[in-house]
Protein backbone atom coordinates (compact mmCIF):
# COMPACT_ATOMS: atom_id res chain seq x y z
CA MET A 1 134.51 310.71 81.60
CA LEU A 2 131.92 308.46 80.03
CA ASN A 3 132.53 304.72 79.92
CA ALA A 4 130.75 301.43 79.20
CA GLU A 5 129.46 301.20 82.77
CA ASN A 6 127.57 304.48 82.85
CA ASN A 7 126.50 304.86 79.21
CA ALA A 8 123.28 303.02 80.02
CA LEU A 9 122.20 306.27 81.72
CA HIS A 10 121.98 307.87 78.27
CA VAL A 11 118.62 306.75 77.05
CA PRO A 12 117.46 306.87 73.40
CA VAL A 13 114.63 309.16 72.27
CA LEU A 14 111.22 307.57 71.49
CA PRO A 15 112.60 304.00 71.47
CA ARG A 16 109.20 302.27 71.67
CA THR A 17 107.82 304.35 68.83
CA CYS A 18 110.86 303.58 66.66
CA LEU A 19 110.55 299.86 67.42
CA ASP A 20 106.87 299.81 66.51
CA LEU A 21 107.33 301.80 63.29
CA LEU A 22 110.13 299.59 61.96
CA ALA A 23 108.90 296.24 63.35
CA PRO A 24 107.01 295.06 60.21
CA ALA A 25 110.26 295.21 58.24
CA LEU A 26 112.25 293.27 60.85
CA GLU A 27 110.48 289.93 61.02
CA GLY A 28 112.77 286.91 61.00
CA GLU A 29 116.30 287.46 59.73
CA ALA A 30 116.77 291.11 58.82
CA VAL A 31 119.36 293.89 58.68
CA LEU A 32 118.85 297.24 60.44
CA ILE A 33 121.29 300.11 59.81
CA ASP A 34 121.51 302.54 62.75
CA CYS A 35 122.95 305.55 60.91
CA THR A 36 123.66 307.47 64.12
CA LEU A 37 124.96 304.88 66.56
CA GLY A 38 125.95 307.27 69.35
CA MET A 39 126.16 305.36 72.60
CA GLY A 40 124.16 302.46 71.23
CA GLY A 41 120.83 303.02 72.97
CA HIS A 42 118.60 302.53 69.95
CA SER A 43 120.68 299.64 68.63
CA GLU A 44 120.45 297.90 72.02
CA ALA A 45 116.66 298.28 72.03
CA PHE A 46 116.35 296.72 68.56
CA LEU A 47 118.78 293.87 69.24
CA THR A 48 116.87 293.05 72.42
CA GLU A 49 113.43 293.22 70.78
CA PHE A 50 114.17 291.33 67.54
CA ALA A 51 116.19 288.14 68.09
CA GLY A 52 116.85 287.51 64.41
CA ILE A 53 118.26 290.82 63.28
CA HIS A 54 121.77 292.06 62.55
CA VAL A 55 122.36 295.74 63.42
CA VAL A 56 125.03 297.76 61.63
CA GLY A 57 125.85 300.95 63.49
CA ILE A 58 127.41 303.94 61.76
CA ASP A 59 129.16 306.79 63.54
CA ARG A 60 131.86 309.31 62.64
CA ASP A 61 132.92 309.62 66.27
CA PRO A 62 135.55 307.03 67.26
CA ALA A 63 134.61 307.40 70.94
CA ALA A 64 131.00 306.44 70.07
CA ILE A 65 132.21 303.40 68.13
CA SER A 66 134.25 302.24 71.11
CA LEU A 67 131.60 302.84 73.79
CA ALA A 68 128.72 301.44 71.78
CA SER A 69 130.78 298.34 70.82
CA ASP A 70 131.42 297.71 74.50
CA ARG A 71 127.77 298.21 75.36
CA LEU A 72 126.59 295.81 72.62
CA ALA A 73 129.35 293.19 72.96
CA ARG A 74 126.91 290.73 74.52
CA PHE A 75 125.11 290.46 71.17
CA GLY A 76 128.19 289.04 69.53
CA ASP A 77 128.25 289.03 65.71
CA ARG A 78 124.69 290.34 65.58
CA PHE A 79 126.19 293.84 65.82
CA THR A 80 128.77 295.48 63.57
CA ALA A 81 130.14 299.01 63.93
CA VAL A 82 131.30 301.05 60.96
CA HIS A 83 133.41 304.21 61.43
CA THR A 84 132.19 306.60 58.76
CA THR A 85 129.65 309.38 58.10
CA TYR A 86 126.08 308.31 57.48
CA ASP A 87 125.99 309.55 53.90
CA ASP A 88 127.86 306.28 53.26
CA VAL A 89 124.67 304.39 54.23
CA ASP A 90 124.34 303.02 50.69
CA LEU A 91 127.85 301.57 50.76
CA VAL A 92 127.19 300.05 54.18
CA ALA A 93 123.94 298.51 52.90
CA ALA A 94 125.77 297.14 49.86
CA GLU A 95 128.23 295.32 52.13
CA PHE A 96 126.07 294.17 55.01
CA GLY A 97 122.51 294.15 53.67
CA ARG A 98 120.63 291.21 52.28
CA GLN A 99 121.29 291.26 48.55
CA GLY A 100 122.78 294.68 49.04
CA LYS A 101 119.72 296.24 50.69
CA ALA A 102 118.69 297.02 54.26
CA ASP A 103 115.40 295.96 55.75
CA ALA A 104 115.17 299.02 58.00
CA ILE A 105 117.17 302.18 58.63
CA LEU A 106 117.09 304.52 61.63
CA MET A 107 118.54 308.02 61.78
CA ASP A 108 118.65 309.91 65.07
CA LEU A 109 120.09 313.31 64.08
CA GLY A 110 121.94 316.08 65.84
CA VAL A 111 124.49 316.02 68.60
CA SER A 112 124.65 312.91 70.80
CA SER A 113 124.63 312.56 74.58
CA LEU A 114 128.23 311.46 74.39
CA GLN A 115 129.31 314.65 72.67
CA LEU A 116 127.26 316.95 74.92
CA ASP A 117 128.38 315.34 78.12
CA GLU A 118 132.09 315.21 77.24
CA GLU A 119 132.76 318.83 78.21
CA GLU A 120 136.20 318.96 76.64
CA ARG A 121 134.64 318.38 73.20
CA GLY A 122 133.36 322.00 73.24
CA PHE A 123 129.75 321.33 72.17
CA SER A 124 128.15 322.90 75.24
CA TYR A 125 127.90 326.55 76.27
CA SER A 126 127.33 325.54 79.89
CA ALA A 127 130.95 324.49 80.60
CA ASP A 128 134.31 326.05 79.74
CA ALA A 129 136.25 324.03 77.16
CA PRO A 130 138.21 324.42 73.92
CA LEU A 131 136.06 325.59 70.97
CA ASP A 132 136.27 322.32 69.06
CA MET A 133 132.83 320.80 68.21
CA ARG A 134 134.14 318.17 65.80
CA MET A 135 132.17 314.92 65.93
CA ASN A 136 135.31 313.19 64.66
CA PRO A 137 138.04 314.99 66.60
CA SER A 138 140.79 313.67 64.35
CA VAL A 139 139.78 315.49 61.17
CA GLY A 140 138.50 318.80 59.91
CA VAL A 141 138.41 322.36 61.16
CA THR A 142 137.27 323.36 64.63
CA ALA A 143 134.78 326.01 65.65
CA ALA A 144 137.74 328.13 66.77
CA ASP A 145 139.25 327.83 63.29
CA ILE A 146 136.07 329.09 61.65
CA LEU A 147 135.75 332.02 64.04
CA ALA A 148 139.42 332.93 63.49
CA THR A 149 139.45 332.81 59.70
CA ALA A 150 135.93 333.33 58.28
CA THR A 151 134.84 336.76 57.10
CA LYS A 152 132.27 338.70 59.04
CA SER A 153 129.67 338.07 56.34
CA GLU A 154 130.39 334.31 56.36
CA ILE A 155 130.11 334.10 60.13
CA ALA A 156 126.82 336.03 59.98
CA ARG A 157 125.54 333.65 57.30
CA ILE A 158 126.40 330.58 59.35
CA LEU A 159 124.61 331.97 62.42
CA ARG A 160 121.59 333.15 60.45
CA VAL A 161 121.13 330.06 58.26
CA TYR A 162 122.17 327.23 60.59
CA GLY A 163 121.13 328.81 63.89
CA GLU A 164 118.23 330.98 62.73
CA GLU A 165 119.81 333.67 64.86
CA LYS A 166 118.07 337.05 64.55
CA PHE A 167 121.16 338.92 65.77
CA ALA A 168 123.62 337.13 63.52
CA SER A 169 125.16 340.32 62.16
CA ARG A 170 125.70 341.84 65.59
CA ILE A 171 127.30 338.66 66.90
CA ALA A 172 129.53 338.31 63.81
CA GLU A 173 130.69 341.90 64.13
CA ALA A 174 131.51 341.34 67.82
CA ILE A 175 133.49 338.18 66.96
CA VAL A 176 135.57 339.93 64.30
CA ARG A 177 136.20 342.91 66.57
CA ARG A 178 137.25 340.60 69.42
CA ARG A 179 139.68 338.57 67.30
CA GLU A 180 141.61 341.70 66.42
CA GLN A 181 142.93 341.49 70.00
CA ALA A 182 142.98 337.70 70.42
CA PRO A 183 141.17 334.80 68.73
CA LEU A 184 138.30 333.13 70.56
CA SER A 185 139.45 329.72 71.81
CA ARG A 186 137.11 328.79 74.68
CA THR A 187 133.40 328.06 74.89
CA ARG A 188 132.95 330.38 77.85
CA GLU A 189 134.47 333.27 75.91
CA LEU A 190 132.07 332.75 73.03
CA ALA A 191 129.00 332.30 75.26
CA ASP A 192 129.81 335.54 77.12
CA LEU A 193 130.41 337.43 73.86
CA VAL A 194 127.08 336.26 72.42
CA ARG A 195 125.21 337.23 75.59
CA ASP A 196 126.75 340.69 75.55
CA SER A 197 125.88 341.12 71.86
CA ILE A 198 122.18 340.46 72.24
CA PRO A 199 119.77 343.11 73.57
CA ALA A 200 119.03 342.53 77.25
CA ALA A 201 115.28 342.42 76.66
CA THR A 202 115.63 339.35 74.44
CA ARG A 203 117.69 337.35 76.95
CA ARG A 204 114.75 336.74 79.28
CA THR A 205 113.09 334.06 77.12
CA GLY A 206 114.11 331.28 74.76
CA GLY A 207 116.81 329.63 76.83
CA HIS A 208 120.50 330.48 76.86
CA PRO A 209 121.29 333.33 74.45
CA ALA A 210 124.24 331.39 72.96
CA LYS A 211 122.16 328.29 72.16
CA ARG A 212 121.56 329.18 68.50
CA THR A 213 125.17 330.27 67.90
CA PHE A 214 126.54 327.00 69.26
CA GLN A 215 124.08 325.00 67.19
CA ALA A 216 125.06 326.92 64.05
CA LEU A 217 128.78 326.45 64.56
CA ARG A 218 128.35 322.73 65.32
CA ILE A 219 126.42 322.26 62.08
CA ALA A 220 129.02 324.23 60.11
CA VAL A 221 132.01 322.39 61.61
CA ASN A 222 130.51 318.96 60.88
CA GLU A 223 128.77 319.90 57.61
CA GLU A 224 125.68 318.26 59.06
CA LEU A 225 123.07 319.59 56.65
CA ASP A 226 125.21 318.87 53.58
CA VAL A 227 125.70 315.29 54.77
CA LEU A 228 122.00 314.93 55.60
CA GLU A 229 120.82 316.14 52.19
CA ILE A 230 122.88 313.35 50.62
CA ALA A 231 122.16 310.73 53.29
CA VAL A 232 118.35 310.72 53.24
CA PRO A 233 117.99 309.93 49.49
CA ARG A 234 120.74 307.33 49.79
CA ALA A 235 118.99 305.75 52.77
CA ILE A 236 115.77 305.50 50.75
CA GLU A 237 117.59 303.89 47.83
CA SER A 238 119.28 301.48 50.24
CA LEU A 239 115.95 299.97 51.38
CA ARG A 240 114.43 296.86 49.86
CA VAL A 241 110.82 297.17 48.75
CA GLY A 242 108.90 296.68 52.00
CA GLY A 243 111.74 298.22 54.00
CA ARG A 244 111.21 301.11 56.38
CA LEU A 245 113.09 304.32 57.30
CA ALA A 246 112.57 306.37 60.46
CA VAL A 247 114.28 309.74 61.07
CA GLU A 248 114.35 311.74 64.31
CA SER A 249 115.17 315.44 63.80
CA TYR A 250 115.75 318.05 66.48
CA GLN A 251 115.58 321.38 64.68
CA SER A 252 113.67 322.80 61.74
CA LEU A 253 116.47 322.72 59.20
CA GLU A 254 116.97 318.99 59.63
CA ASP A 255 113.26 318.31 59.62
CA ARG A 256 112.75 320.32 56.43
CA ILE A 257 115.31 318.21 54.55
CA VAL A 258 113.69 314.96 55.73
CA LYS A 259 110.17 316.24 55.00
CA GLU A 260 111.07 317.26 51.43
CA ALA A 261 112.81 313.97 50.66
CA PHE A 262 109.82 312.01 51.96
CA ALA A 263 107.34 314.24 50.08
CA LEU A 264 109.12 313.55 46.81
CA GLY A 265 108.66 309.81 47.29
CA THR A 266 105.10 309.86 48.62
CA THR A 267 103.68 311.97 45.81
CA SER A 268 102.61 310.73 42.37
CA THR A 269 104.28 312.53 39.46
CA THR A 270 101.64 311.57 36.92
CA PRO A 271 100.86 314.75 34.95
CA ALA A 272 97.60 316.42 35.91
CA GLY A 273 94.65 315.70 33.67
CA LEU A 274 95.54 312.14 32.72
CA PRO A 275 92.70 309.64 33.27
CA ILE A 276 95.02 306.98 34.79
CA GLU A 277 98.10 306.99 36.95
CA LEU A 278 101.24 306.11 35.02
CA ASP A 279 103.11 303.09 36.42
CA ASP A 280 106.48 304.86 36.32
CA HIS A 281 105.06 307.91 38.09
CA LYS A 282 103.45 306.27 41.13
CA ALA A 283 104.59 307.08 44.64
CA TYR A 284 107.40 304.80 45.78
CA LEU A 285 107.12 305.66 49.50
CA LYS A 286 104.19 305.32 51.89
CA PRO A 287 104.08 307.62 54.91
CA LEU A 288 103.89 305.85 58.27
CA THR A 289 103.33 308.98 60.36
CA ARG A 290 100.85 311.79 59.93
CA GLY A 291 103.23 314.69 59.81
CA ALA A 292 105.95 314.50 62.46
CA LEU A 293 105.45 312.71 65.76
CA LYS A 294 106.48 314.49 68.94
CA ALA A 295 107.30 313.32 72.43
CA ASP A 296 104.36 312.98 74.82
CA LYS A 297 104.44 313.88 78.53
CA ALA A 298 105.60 310.44 79.58
CA GLU A 299 108.54 310.55 77.14
CA LEU A 300 109.45 314.06 78.23
CA ALA A 301 109.51 312.95 81.86
CA ARG A 302 111.65 309.94 81.00
CA ASN A 303 114.01 311.83 78.70
CA PRO A 304 114.04 315.64 78.72
CA ARG A 305 116.28 315.66 75.60
CA SER A 306 113.23 314.49 73.62
CA ALA A 307 111.56 317.91 73.91
CA SER A 308 112.41 319.04 70.37
CA VAL A 309 112.22 315.72 68.54
CA ARG A 310 110.27 315.38 65.30
CA LEU A 311 109.93 311.78 64.07
CA ARG A 312 108.96 310.91 60.52
CA ALA A 313 108.87 307.43 58.94
CA VAL A 314 108.12 305.88 55.54
CA GLU A 315 107.85 302.47 53.93
CA ARG A 316 109.38 301.77 50.52
CA VAL A 317 106.54 300.35 48.40
CA ALA A 318 108.18 300.38 44.96
CA GLN A 319 111.39 301.11 43.13
CA THR A 320 112.18 304.75 42.40
CA PRO A 321 110.68 305.79 39.04
CA THR A 322 113.40 305.94 36.40
CA HIS A 323 112.88 309.67 35.74
CA LEU A 324 113.51 310.42 39.45
CA PHE A 325 116.37 308.01 40.11
CA ASN A 326 119.70 309.68 40.73
CA PRO A 327 122.68 307.32 40.46
CA ASP A 328 124.56 309.39 43.04
CA HIS A 329 121.98 308.26 45.59
CA TYR A 330 123.02 304.61 45.34
CA ARG A 331 126.60 303.48 44.79
CA PRO A 332 126.62 299.68 45.03
CA GLU A 333 130.26 299.34 46.06
CA PRO A 334 130.96 297.83 49.52
CA LYS A 335 132.27 300.11 52.26
CA ARG A 336 135.56 298.88 53.74
CA GLY A 337 137.32 299.67 56.94
CA THR A 338 134.73 298.28 59.38
CA LYS A 339 135.50 297.86 63.02
C-alpha cells in the first residue's frame, strides 16, 4: 500500500525540462495549475524551484488528492488540491488564477504511478486483481462492466481505436465467447485470454501481448481521450497572454490531440494571397519545442517510465482570434468543492 512516506520513490517524468520550459511564466507571484496531480512529484518540483508561486493540483482520484496533499503539506497555503477531472481546468483557473487566468499549466497524461502500483485497482496485467481500472473508483463503469455488456463490435472498436490492437476482432470474439460461460472479472483472466487469442509468432516482440488491450480498456473506462480533447483547448484559453502550457503524452492518440490543438494556435489563418497578415488571423500560440521532446539516456536511467513520453509546450502570445474562439472552451464560473 502506498503512503506519504514512500511516495517520494515515484519520480516525475522530465521534471527539469518542464521546469525550464515553464520558468519564464513563473517569475515572482504566479499560479501554476498541475492538471494531473498524481502523487505530487511535478508539483513538489515547482513549489521547491519557484518560491513565489501557488500550485493548484487537479486529480479525479481521491487517493491521489490525499497522498499528494500529505506530500506537499510543508508548502502550506501555496498548494491547493481540487478533486475533479482536468477538463475543468478553465473553472479552476477562474477561481484560483490571477484575474481568472493561470500563468502556467502542466499536463502529465496517462495512468499514474499510484494507479499502476496499487494492484487492486486493476490497471496492470502483471498482477491478479479485479478488472476495475477506474481512476475515480467511486463513480462510473468498470472494465469488467464493459466486457460484460458491450457488443462484440464495440469491444473490437475500443481495442482497435484506443489500443491500436491489430487483433482486436479476434480478442473481442474470444471475450464474447468466454462470457457465455462466465463474465471476465479478473486481470489475470483477461491477460491470459488475450495471450491465447494472439498468434504465437507475434508474442515474441513488443512487450506483453495484453498491453494494448489494457491500455484501450483504461482509456474507455475513464473516457480519457474525450476529456483530453476538451481539456487542451480549455487549458489554452485559461492562460494569460505570456502564459505557458506543457503537455506530456505517452501514446500516439494522446499526442495527436495535443499536436493538433497546438497546430491550430501556432498557424496563421490569414487567407493565402493577401499581401499582409490580418491582425485577427495571426497565430496566438508560439511553439516552445521543435516537435515533441523525448527522454534522453540519463532520464531513462533515472526513470524507466519516461520511455514513451512525448513533451510539447507552447506560449500564449495573443488572445484567440474571434473567428476561432469557442465559448465552450472557457467558462468563467468558479469551480467549487475544493479540498
